[in-house]
Amino acid sequence: MKKKKFVLKRVDSKFTDRQKTYINYHIALHSNWKNFKDLISIELVDIGDNYFIVQVEDTDTKWHSSFSRELCKKAGLDDLKITTENDAFLFDVIEI
């Protein structure tokens, strides 16, 4: 399985302890992601102040932006987004 690191785009921001707890909870909740066509399984491996690493089984990367939006909503991460005229961005995704 692959490991992917989701790093906050805003380098000046960090997750609060509450946000870390919510991230952990919502990633572990399989029902949140069962309708993501390209994501078969996801498990949190590590979380830091401005990133988290997940182990995933997937068939494509199309799920990244939907996952980011949903996690942002569910874990209360709105204050960490970079907002542009067209969209709001939260994470850079790095395969490790």
PDB file of N, CA and C in Angstrom:
ATOM      1  N   MET A   1       0.841  -1.190   0.000  1.00  0.00           N
ATOM      2  CA  MET A   1       0.000   0.000   0.000  1.00  0.00           C
ATOM      3  C   MET A   1       0.883   1.249   0.000  1.00  0.00           C
ATOM      4  N   LYS A   2       0.315   2.325  -0.493  1.00  0.00           N
ATOM      5  CA  LYS A   2       1.036   3.591  -0.621  1.00  0.00           C
ATOM      6  C   LYS A   2       0.866   4.416   0.649  1.00  0.00           C
ATOM      7  N   LYS A   3       1.848   5.279   0.891  1.00  0.00           N
ATOM      8  CA  LYS A   3       1.721   6.273   1.956  1.00  0.00           C
ATOM      9  C   LYS A   3       1.674   7.634   1.291  1.00  0.00           C
ATOM     10  N   LYS A   4       0.737   8.463   1.746  1.00  0.00           N
ATOM     11  CA  LYS A   4       0.600   9.819   1.218  1.00  0.00           C
ATOM     12  C   LYS A   4       0.635  10.798   2.385  1.00  0.00           C
ATOM     13  N   LYS A   5       1.361  11.871   2.163  1.00  0.00           N
ATOM     14  CA  LYS A   5       1.500  12.905   3.187  1.00  0.00           C
ATOM     15  C   LYS A   5       0.697  14.115   2.743  1.00  0.00           C
ATOM     16  N   PHE A   6      -0.252  14.530   3.551  1.00  0.00           N
ATOM     17  CA  PHE A   6      -1.062  15.722   3.316  1.00  0.00           C
ATOM     18  C   PHE A   6      -0.466  16.845   4.169  1.00  0.00           C
ATOM     19  N   VAL A   7       0.103  17.847   3.494  1.00  0.00           N
ATOM     20  CA  VAL A   7       0.793  18.944   4.172  1.00  0.00           C
ATOM     21  C   VAL A   7       0.002  20.228   3.959  1.00  0.00           C
ATOM     22  N   LEU A   8      -0.203  20.981   5.023  1.00  0.00           N
ATOM     23  CA  LEU A   8      -0.925  22.242   4.902  1.00  0.00           C
ATOM     24  C   LEU A   8      -0.218  23.180   3.925  1.00  0.00           C
ATOM     25  N   LYS A   9      -0.974  23.779   3.037  1.00  0.00           N
ATOM     26  CA  LYS A   9      -0.414  24.739   2.085  1.00  0.00           C
ATOM     27  C   LYS A   9      -0.006  26.025   2.795  1.00  0.00           C
ATOM     28  N   ARG A  10      -0.733  26.420   3.810  1.00  0.00           N
ATOM     29  CA  ARG A  10      -0.385  27.626   4.576  1.00  0.00           C
ATOM     30  C   ARG A  10       0.729  27.268   5.542  1.00  0.00           C
ATOM     31  N   VAL A  11       1.938  27.683   5.223  1.00  0.00           N
ATOM     32  CA  VAL A  11       3.095  27.305   6.033  1.00  0.00           C
ATOM     33  C   VAL A  11       3.094  27.968   7.412  1.00  0.00           C
ATOM     34  N   ASP A  12       2.323  29.016   7.573  1.00  0.00           N
ATOM     35  CA  ASP A  12       2.286  29.732   8.848  1.00  0.00           C
ATOM     36  C   ASP A  12       1.248  29.165   9.815  1.00  0.00           C
ATOM     37  N   SER A  13       0.559  28.098   9.440  1.00  0.00           N
ATOM     38  CA  SER A  13      -0.505  27.588  10.309  1.00  0.00           C
ATOM     39  C   SER A  13      -0.215  26.168  10.780  1.00  0.00           C
ATOM     40  N   LYS A  14      -0.881  25.816  11.870  1.00  0.00           N
ATOM     41  CA  LYS A  14      -0.719  24.498  12.483  1.00  0.00           C
ATOM     42  C   LYS A  14      -2.083  23.987  12.915  1.00  0.00           C
ATOM     43  N   PHE A  15      -2.197  22.663  12.991  1.00  0.00           N
ATOM     44  CA  PHE A  15      -3.407  22.057  13.539  1.00  0.00           C
ATOM     45  C   PHE A  15      -3.456  22.301  15.044  1.00  0.00           C
ATOM     46  N   THR A  16      -4.638  22.555  15.552  1.00  0.00           N
ATOM     47  CA  THR A  16      -4.819  22.586  16.999  1.00  0.00           C
ATOM     48  C   THR A  16      -4.964  21.142  17.483  1.00  0.00           C
ATOM     49  N   ASP A  17      -4.868  20.931  18.777  1.00  0.00           N
ATOM     50  CA  ASP A  17      -5.060  19.577  19.319  1.00  0.00           C
ATOM     51  C   ASP A  17      -6.456  19.062  18.992  1.00  0.00           C
ATOM     52  N   ARG A  18      -7.427  19.942  19.050  1.00  0.00           N
ATOM     53  CA  ARG A  18      -8.802  19.548  18.726  1.00  0.00           C
ATOM     54  C   ARG A  18      -8.911  19.108  17.258  1.00  0.00           C
ATOM     55  N   GLN A  19      -8.303  19.868  16.348  1.00  0.00           N
ATOM     56  CA  GLN A  19      -8.324  19.507  14.935  1.00  0.00           C
ATOM     57  C   GLN A  19      -7.620  18.169  14.692  1.00  0.00           C
ATOM     58  N   LYS A  20      -6.517  17.930  15.388  1.00  0.00           N
ATOM     59  CA  LYS A  20      -5.816  16.642  15.270  1.00  0.00           C
ATOM     60  C   LYS A  20      -6.717  15.495  15.696  1.00  0.00           C
ATOM     61  N   THR A  21      -7.438  15.696  16.789  1.00  0.00           N
ATOM     62  CA  THR A  21      -8.363  14.676  17.267  1.00  0.00           C
ATOM     63  C   THR A  21      -9.453  14.407  16.234  1.00  0.00           C
ATOM     64  N   TYR A  22     -10.012  15.479  15.669  1.00  0.00           N
ATOM     65  CA  TYR A  22     -11.059  15.328  14.650  1.00  0.00           C
ATOM     66  C   TYR A  22     -10.530  14.670  13.378  1.00  0.00           C
ATOM     67  N   ILE A  23      -9.321  15.038  12.963  1.00  0.00           N
ATOM     68  CA  ILE A  23      -8.711  14.421  11.778  1.00  0.00           C
ATOM     69  C   ILE A  23      -8.581  12.918  12.006  1.00  0.00           C
ATOM     70  N   ASN A  24      -8.035  12.550  13.139  1.00  0.00           N
ATOM     71  CA  ASN A  24      -7.869  11.134  13.480  1.00  0.00           C
ATOM     72  C   ASN A  24      -9.210  10.410  13.475  1.00  0.00           C
ATOM     73  N   TYR A  25     -10.190  11.005  14.123  1.00  0.00           N
ATOM     74  CA  TYR A  25     -11.519  10.391  14.213  1.00  0.00           C
ATOM     75  C   TYR A  25     -12.156  10.212  12.832  1.00  0.00           C
ATOM     76  N   HIS A  26     -12.147  11.266  12.023  1.00  0.00           N
ATOM     77  CA  HIS A  26     -12.867  11.227  10.753  1.00  0.00           C
ATOM     78  C   HIS A  26     -12.160  10.378   9.693  1.00  0.00           C
ATOM     79  N   ILE A  27     -10.836  10.320   9.730  1.00  0.00           N
ATOM     80  CA  ILE A  27     -10.144   9.425   8.801  1.00  0.00           C
ATOM     81  C   ILE A  27     -10.456   7.972   9.148  1.00  0.00           C
ATOM     82  N   ALA A  28     -10.521   7.664  10.423  1.00  0.00           N
ATOM     83  CA  ALA A  28     -10.798   6.289  10.857  1.00  0.00           C
ATOM     84  C   ALA A  28     -12.243   5.862  10.597  1.00  0.00           C
ATOM     85  N   LEU A  29     -13.139   6.811  10.410  1.00  0.00           N
ATOM     86  CA  LEU A  29     -14.554   6.510  10.211  1.00  0.00           C
ATOM     87  C   LEU A  29     -14.800   6.128   8.749  1.00  0.00           C
ATOM     88  N   HIS A  30     -14.814   4.841   8.488  1.00  0.00           N
ATOM     89  CA  HIS A  30     -14.913   4.315   7.120  1.00  0.00           C
ATOM     90  C   HIS A  30     -16.128   4.863   6.370  1.00  0.00           C
ATOM     91  N   SER A  31     -17.220   5.091   7.051  1.00  0.00           N
ATOM     92  CA  SER A  31     -18.431   5.570   6.378  1.00  0.00           C
ATOM     93  C   SER A  31     -18.236   6.943   5.719  1.00  0.00           C
ATOM     94  N   ASN A  32     -17.245   7.720   6.165  1.00  0.00           N
ATOM     95  CA  ASN A  32     -16.965   9.017   5.539  1.00  0.00           C
ATOM     96  C   ASN A  32     -16.445   8.883   4.114  1.00  0.00           C
ATOM     97  N   TRP A  33     -15.774   7.776   3.820  1.00  0.00           N
ATOM     98  CA  TRP A  33     -15.036   7.655   2.563  1.00  0.00           C
ATOM     99  C   TRP A  33     -15.521   6.512   1.677  1.00  0.00           C
ATOM    100  N   LYS A  34     -16.536   5.792   2.103  1.00  0.00           N
ATOM    101  CA  LYS A  34     -16.960   4.616   1.346  1.00  0.00           C
ATOM    102  C   LYS A  34     -17.486   4.943  -0.058  1.00  0.00           C
ATOM    103  N   ASN A  35     -17.916   6.157  -0.300  1.00  0.00           N
ATOM    104  CA  ASN A  35     -18.433   6.527  -1.625  1.00  0.00           C
ATOM    105  C   ASN A  35     -17.377   7.151  -2.533  1.00  0.00           C
ATOM    106  N   PHE A  36     -16.135   7.199  -2.084  1.00  0.00           N
ATOM    107  CA  PHE A  36     -15.054   7.727  -2.910  1.00  0.00           C
ATOM    108  C   PHE A  36     -14.588   6.609  -3.838  1.00  0.00           C
ATOM    109  N   LYS A  37     -14.930   6.725  -5.107  1.00  0.00           N
ATOM    110  CA  LYS A  37     -14.729   5.654  -6.086  1.00  0.00           C
ATOM    111  C   LYS A  37     -13.274   5.170  -6.163  1.00  0.00           C
ATOM    112  N   ASP A  38     -12.311   6.076  -6.126  1.00  0.00           N
ATOM    113  CA  ASP A  38     -10.909   5.711  -6.319  1.00  0.00           C
ATOM    114  C   ASP A  38     -10.166   5.392  -5.018  1.00  0.00           C
ATOM    115  N   LEU A  39     -10.826   5.538  -3.884  1.00  0.00           N
ATOM    116  CA  LEU A  39     -10.199   5.267  -2.594  1.00  0.00           C
ATOM    117  C   LEU A  39     -10.778   3.976  -2.014  1.00  0.00           C
ATOM    118  N   ILE A  40      -9.923   2.965  -1.901  1.00  0.00           N
ATOM    119  CA  ILE A  40     -10.380   1.661  -1.399  1.00  0.00           C
ATOM    120  C   ILE A  40     -10.267   1.597   0.122  1.00  0.00           C
ATOM    121  N   SER A  41      -9.124   2.044   0.664  1.00  0.00           N
ATOM    122  CA  SER A  41      -8.954   2.061   2.119  1.00  0.00           C
ATOM    123  C   SER A  41      -7.996   3.180   2.501  1.00  0.00           C
ATOM    124  N   ILE A  42      -8.152   3.655   3.728  1.00  0.00           N
ATOM    125  CA  ILE A  42      -7.294   4.727   4.248  1.00  0.00           C
ATOM    126  C   ILE A  42      -7.112   4.520   5.748  1.00  0.00           C
ATOM    127  N   GLU A  43      -5.882   4.743   6.204  1.00  0.00           N
ATOM    128  CA  GLU A  43      -5.562   4.590   7.626  1.00  0.00           C
ATOM    129  C   GLU A  43      -4.540   5.655   8.007  1.00  0.00           C
ATOM    130  N   LEU A  44      -4.786   6.354   9.105  1.00  0.00           N
ATOM    131  CA  LEU A  44      -3.859   7.375   9.583  1.00  0.00           C
ATOM    132  C   LEU A  44      -2.621   6.702  10.166  1.00  0.00           C
ATOM    133  N   VAL A  45      -1.441   7.147   9.726  1.00  0.00           N
ATOM    134  CA  VAL A  45      -0.175   6.589  10.193  1.00  0.00           C
ATOM    135  C   VAL A  45       0.484   7.530  11.195  1.00  0.00           C
ATOM    136  N   ASP A  46       0.456   8.836  10.893  1.00  0.00           N
ATOM    137  CA  ASP A  46       1.139   9.823  11.733  1.00  0.00           C
ATOM    138  C   ASP A  46       0.479  11.172  11.524  1.00  0.00           C
ATOM    139  N   ILE A  47       0.560  12.008  12.555  1.00  0.00           N
ATOM    140  CA  ILE A  47       0.056  13.379  12.430  1.00  0.00           C
ATOM    141  C   ILE A  47       1.003  14.306  13.168  1.00  0.00           C
ATOM    142  N   GLY A  48       1.319  15.421  12.524  1.00  0.00           N
ATOM    143  CA  GLY A  48       2.178  16.433  13.122  1.00  0.00           C
ATOM    144  C   GLY A  48       1.441  17.752  13.202  1.00  0.00           C
ATOM    145  N   ASP A  49       2.188  18.822  13.416  1.00  0.00           N
ATOM    146  CA  ASP A  49       1.556  20.133  13.557  1.00  0.00           C
ATOM    147  C   ASP A  49       0.968  20.659  12.252  1.00  0.00           C
ATOM    148  N   ASN A  50       1.578  20.299  11.108  1.00  0.00           N
ATOM    149  CA  ASN A  50       1.095  20.840   9.838  1.00  0.00           C
ATOM    150  C   ASN A  50       0.948  19.769   8.752  1.00  0.00           C
ATOM    151  N   TYR A  51       0.897  18.508   9.138  1.00  0.00           N
ATOM    152  CA  TYR A  51       0.765  17.422   8.163  1.00  0.00           C
ATOM    153  C   TYR A  51       0.134  16.197   8.814  1.00  0.00           C
ATOM    154  N   PHE A  52      -0.331  15.295   7.975  1.00  0.00           N
ATOM    155  CA  PHE A  52      -0.641  13.950   8.439  1.00  0.00           C
ATOM    156  C   PHE A  52      -0.296  12.978   7.320  1.00  0.00           C
ATOM    157  N   ILE A  53       0.047  11.770   7.712  1.00  0.00           N
ATOM    158  CA  ILE A  53       0.419  10.727   6.765  1.00  0.00           C
ATOM    159  C   ILE A  53      -0.612   9.618   6.865  1.00  0.00           C
ATOM    160  N   VAL A  54      -1.092   9.189   5.701  1.00  0.00           N
ATOM    161  CA  VAL A  54      -2.057   8.097   5.646  1.00  0.00           C
ATOM    162  C   VAL A  54      -1.497   6.983   4.775  1.00  0.00           C
ATOM    163  N   GLN A  55      -1.896   5.766   5.108  1.00  0.00           N
ATOM    164  CA  GLN A  55      -1.601   4.621   4.267  1.00  0.00           C
ATOM    165  C   GLN A  55      -2.876   4.320   3.506  1.00  0.00           C
ATOM    166  N   VAL A  56      -2.768   4.258   2.186  1.00  0.00           N
ATOM    167  CA  VAL A  56      -3.969   4.125   1.361  1.00  0.00           C
ATOM    168  C   VAL A  56      -3.824   3.016   0.332  1.00  0.00           C
ATOM    169  N   GLU A  57      -4.967   2.489  -0.023  1.00  0.00           N
ATOM    170  CA  GLU A  57      -5.085   1.661  -1.208  1.00  0.00           C
ATOM    171  C   GLU A  57      -6.043   2.435  -2.104  1.00  0.00           C
ATOM    172  N   ASP A  58      -5.551   2.823  -3.283  1.00  0.00           N
ATOM    173  CA  ASP A  58      -6.381   3.598  -4.197  1.00  0.00           C
ATOM    174  C   ASP A  58      -6.095   3.188  -5.637  1.00  0.00           C
ATOM    175  N   THR A  59      -6.950   3.622  -6.531  1.00  0.00           N
ATOM    176  CA  THR A  59      -6.783   3.292  -7.948  1.00  0.00           C
ATOM    177  C   THR A  59      -6.455   4.516  -8.785  1.00  0.00           C
ATOM    178  N   ASP A  60      -6.553   5.700  -8.206  1.00  0.00           N
ATOM    179  CA  ASP A  60      -6.281   6.956  -8.900  1.00  0.00           C
ATOM    180  C   ASP A  60      -6.102   8.040  -7.845  1.00  0.00           C
ATOM    181  N   THR A  61      -5.722   9.240  -8.264  1.00  0.00           N
ATOM    182  CA  THR A  61      -5.544  10.344  -7.312  1.00  0.00           C
ATOM    183  C   THR A  61      -6.716  11.310  -7.310  1.00  0.00           C
ATOM    184  N   LYS A  62      -7.757  11.014  -8.051  1.00  0.00           N
ATOM    185  CA  LYS A  62      -8.903  11.930  -8.161  1.00  0.00           C
ATOM    186  C   LYS A  62      -9.578  12.184  -6.812  1.00  0.00           C
ATOM    187  N   TRP A  63      -9.437  11.289  -5.875  1.00  0.00           N
ATOM    188  CA  TRP A  63     -10.091  11.429  -4.585  1.00  0.00           C
ATOM    189  C   TRP A  63      -9.447  12.506  -3.708  1.00  0.00           C
ATOM    190  N   HIS A  64      -8.216  12.926  -4.001  1.00  0.00           N
ATOM    191  CA  HIS A  64      -7.492  13.859  -3.127  1.00  0.00           C
ATOM    192  C   HIS A  64      -8.259  15.144  -2.841  1.00  0.00           C
ATOM    193  N   SER A  65      -8.774  15.810  -3.870  1.00  0.00           N
ATOM    194  CA  SER A  65      -9.441  17.097  -3.642  1.00  0.00           C
ATOM    195  C   SER A  65     -10.776  16.920  -2.928  1.00  0.00           C
ATOM    196  N   SER A  66     -11.530  15.878  -3.270  1.00  0.00           N
ATOM    197  CA  SER A  66     -12.800  15.626  -2.571  1.00  0.00           C
ATOM    198  C   SER A  66     -12.555  15.270  -1.117  1.00  0.00           C
ATOM    199  N   PHE A  67     -11.536  14.468  -0.875  1.00  0.00           N
ATOM    200  CA  PHE A  67     -11.159  14.079   0.482  1.00  0.00           C
ATOM    201  C   PHE A  67     -10.781  15.315   1.289  1.00  0.00           C
ATOM    202  N   SER A  68      -9.977  16.186   0.684  1.00  0.00           N
ATOM    203  CA  SER A  68      -9.550  17.407   1.347  1.00  0.00           C
ATOM    204  C   SER A  68     -10.749  18.275   1.730  1.00  0.00           C
ATOM    205  N   ARG A  69     -11.688  18.453   0.801  1.00  0.00           N
ATOM    206  CA  ARG A  69     -12.886  19.262   1.082  1.00  0.00           C
ATOM    207  C   ARG A  69     -13.725  18.648   2.202  1.00  0.00           C
ATOM    208  N   GLU A  70     -13.942  17.339   2.124  1.00  0.00           N
ATOM    209  CA  GLU A  70     -14.768  16.664   3.136  1.00  0.00           C
ATOM    210  C   GLU A  70     -14.113  16.697   4.507  1.00  0.00           C
ATOM    211  N   LEU A  71     -12.812  16.423   4.556  1.00  0.00           N
ATOM    212  CA  LEU A  71     -12.108  16.432   5.840  1.00  0.00           C
ATOM    213  C   LEU A  71     -12.106  17.836   6.425  1.00  0.00           C
ATOM    214  N   CYS A  72     -11.953  18.831   5.579  1.00  0.00           N
ATOM    215  CA  CYS A  72     -11.988  20.219   6.021  1.00  0.00           C
ATOM    216  C   CYS A  72     -13.316  20.525   6.698  1.00  0.00           C
ATOM    217  N   LYS A  73     -14.391  20.079   6.078  1.00  0.00           N
ATOM    218  CA  LYS A  73     -15.733  20.306   6.620  1.00  0.00           C
ATOM    219  C   LYS A  73     -15.932  19.546   7.936  1.00  0.00           C
ATOM    220  N   LYS A  74     -15.589  18.270   7.932  1.00  0.00           N
ATOM    221  CA  LYS A  74     -15.867  17.405   9.080  1.00  0.00           C
ATOM    222  C   LYS A  74     -14.970  17.716  10.283  1.00  0.00           C
ATOM    223  N   ALA A  75     -13.704  18.104  10.022  1.00  0.00           N
ATOM    224  CA  ALA A  75     -12.753  18.319  11.114  1.00  0.00           C
ATOM    225  C   ALA A  75     -12.576  19.792  11.472  1.00  0.00           C
ATOM    226  N   GLY A  76     -13.359  20.674  10.860  1.00  0.00           N
ATOM    227  CA  GLY A  76     -13.296  22.096  11.208  1.00  0.00           C
ATOM    228  C   GLY A  76     -11.958  22.744  10.866  1.00  0.00           C
ATOM    229  N   LEU A  77     -11.506  22.569   9.628  1.00  0.00           N
ATOM    230  CA  LEU A  77     -10.203  23.082   9.214  1.00  0.00           C
ATOM    231  C   LEU A  77     -10.297  24.339   8.360  1.00  0.00           C
ATOM    232  N   ASP A  78     -11.457  24.971   8.301  1.00  0.00           N
ATOM    233  CA  ASP A  78     -11.666  26.128   7.418  1.00  0.00           C
ATOM    234  C   ASP A  78     -10.654  27.252   7.641  1.00  0.00           C
ATOM    235  N   ASP A  79     -10.225  27.454   8.873  1.00  0.00           N
ATOM    236  CA  ASP A  79      -9.303  28.549   9.168  1.00  0.00           C
ATOM    237  C   ASP A  79      -7.896  28.313   8.611  1.00  0.00           C
ATOM    238  N   LEU A  80      -7.623  27.105   8.084  1.00  0.00           N
ATOM    239  CA  LEU A  80      -6.290  26.768   7.589  1.00  0.00           C
ATOM    240  C   LEU A  80      -6.181  26.829   6.069  1.00  0.00           C
ATOM    241  N   LYS A  81      -7.262  27.192   5.388  1.00  0.00           N
ATOM    242  CA  LYS A  81      -7.287  27.191   3.924  1.00  0.00           C
ATOM    243  C   LYS A  81      -6.620  28.426   3.346  1.00  0.00           C
ATOM    244  N   ILE A  82      -6.083  28.255   2.137  1.00  0.00           N
ATOM    245  CA  ILE A  82      -5.668  29.380   1.295  1.00  0.00           C
ATOM    246  C   ILE A  82      -6.811  29.573   0.311  1.00  0.00           C
ATOM    247  N   THR A  83      -7.391  30.749   0.298  1.00  0.00           N
ATOM    248  CA  THR A  83      -8.536  30.993  -0.575  1.00  0.00           C
ATOM    249  C   THR A  83      -8.109  31.861  -1.755  1.00  0.00           C
ATOM    250  N   THR A  84      -8.493  31.421  -2.935  1.00  0.00           N
ATOM    251  CA  THR A  84      -8.259  32.200  -4.152  1.00  0.00           C
ATOM    252  C   THR A  84      -9.618  32.557  -4.733  1.00  0.00           C
ATOM    253  N   GLU A  85      -9.624  33.242  -5.847  1.00  0.00           N
ATOM    254  CA  GLU A  85     -10.891  33.626  -6.474  1.00  0.00           C
ATOM    255  C   GLU A  85     -11.708  32.404  -6.904  1.00  0.00           C
ATOM    256  N   ASN A  86     -11.028  31.345  -7.333  1.00  0.00           N
ATOM    257  CA  ASN A  86     -11.719  30.185  -7.883  1.00  0.00           C
ATOM    258  C   ASN A  86     -11.968  29.048  -6.897  1.00  0.00           C
ATOM    259  N   ASP A  87     -11.119  28.907  -5.890  1.00  0.00           N
ATOM    260  CA  ASP A  87     -11.240  27.740  -5.022  1.00  0.00           C
ATOM    261  C   ASP A  87     -10.511  28.001  -3.718  1.00  0.00           C
ATOM    262  N   ALA A  88     -10.698  27.093  -2.793  1.00  0.00           N
ATOM    263  CA  ALA A  88      -9.984  27.146  -1.519  1.00  0.00           C
ATOM    264  C   ALA A  88      -9.112  25.904  -1.434  1.00  0.00           C
ATOM    265  N   PHE A  89      -7.855  26.102  -1.129  1.00  0.00           N
ATOM    266  CA  PHE A  89      -6.902  25.002  -1.104  1.00  0.00           C
ATOM    267  C   PHE A  89      -6.426  24.757   0.322  1.00  0.00           C
ATOM    268  N   LEU A  90      -6.229  23.505   0.652  1.00  0.00           N
ATOM    269  CA  LEU A  90      -5.856  23.129   2.005  1.00  0.00           C
ATOM    270  C   LEU A  90      -4.527  22.381   2.060  1.00  0.00           C
ATOM    271  N   PHE A  91      -4.361  21.333   1.226  1.00  0.00           N
ATOM    272  CA  PHE A  91      -3.206  20.453   1.344  1.00  0.00           C
ATOM    273  C   PHE A  91      -2.422  20.320   0.046  1.00  0.00           C
ATOM    274  N   ASP A  92      -1.119  20.132   0.201  1.00  0.00           N
ATOM    275  CA  ASP A  92      -0.278  19.556  -0.848  1.00  0.00           C
ATOM    276  C   ASP A  92      -0.210  18.075  -0.519  1.00  0.00           C
ATOM    277  N   VAL A  93      -0.267  17.224  -1.529  1.00  0.00           N
ATOM    278  CA  VAL A  93      -0.229  15.784  -1.307  1.00  0.00           C
ATOM    279  C   VAL A  93       1.062  15.236  -1.902  1.00  0.00           C
ATOM    280  N   ILE A  94       1.822  14.529  -1.085  1.00  0.00           N
ATOM    281  CA  ILE A  94       3.106  13.983  -1.492  1.00  0.00           C
ATOM    282  C   ILE A  94       3.064  12.471  -1.284  1.00  0.00           C
ATOM    283  N   GLU A  95       3.421  11.719  -2.306  1.00  0.00           N
ATOM    284  CA  GLU A  95       3.510  10.266  -2.128  1.00  0.00           C
ATOM    285  C   GLU A  95       4.883   9.964  -1.544  1.00  0.00           C
ATOM    286  N   ILE A  96       4.896   9.168  -0.485  1.00  0.00           N
ATOM    287  CA  ILE A  96       6.191   8.838   0.163  1.00  0.00           C
ATOM    288  C   ILE A  96       6.407   7.338   0.187  1.00  0.00           C
TER     289      ILE A  96
END
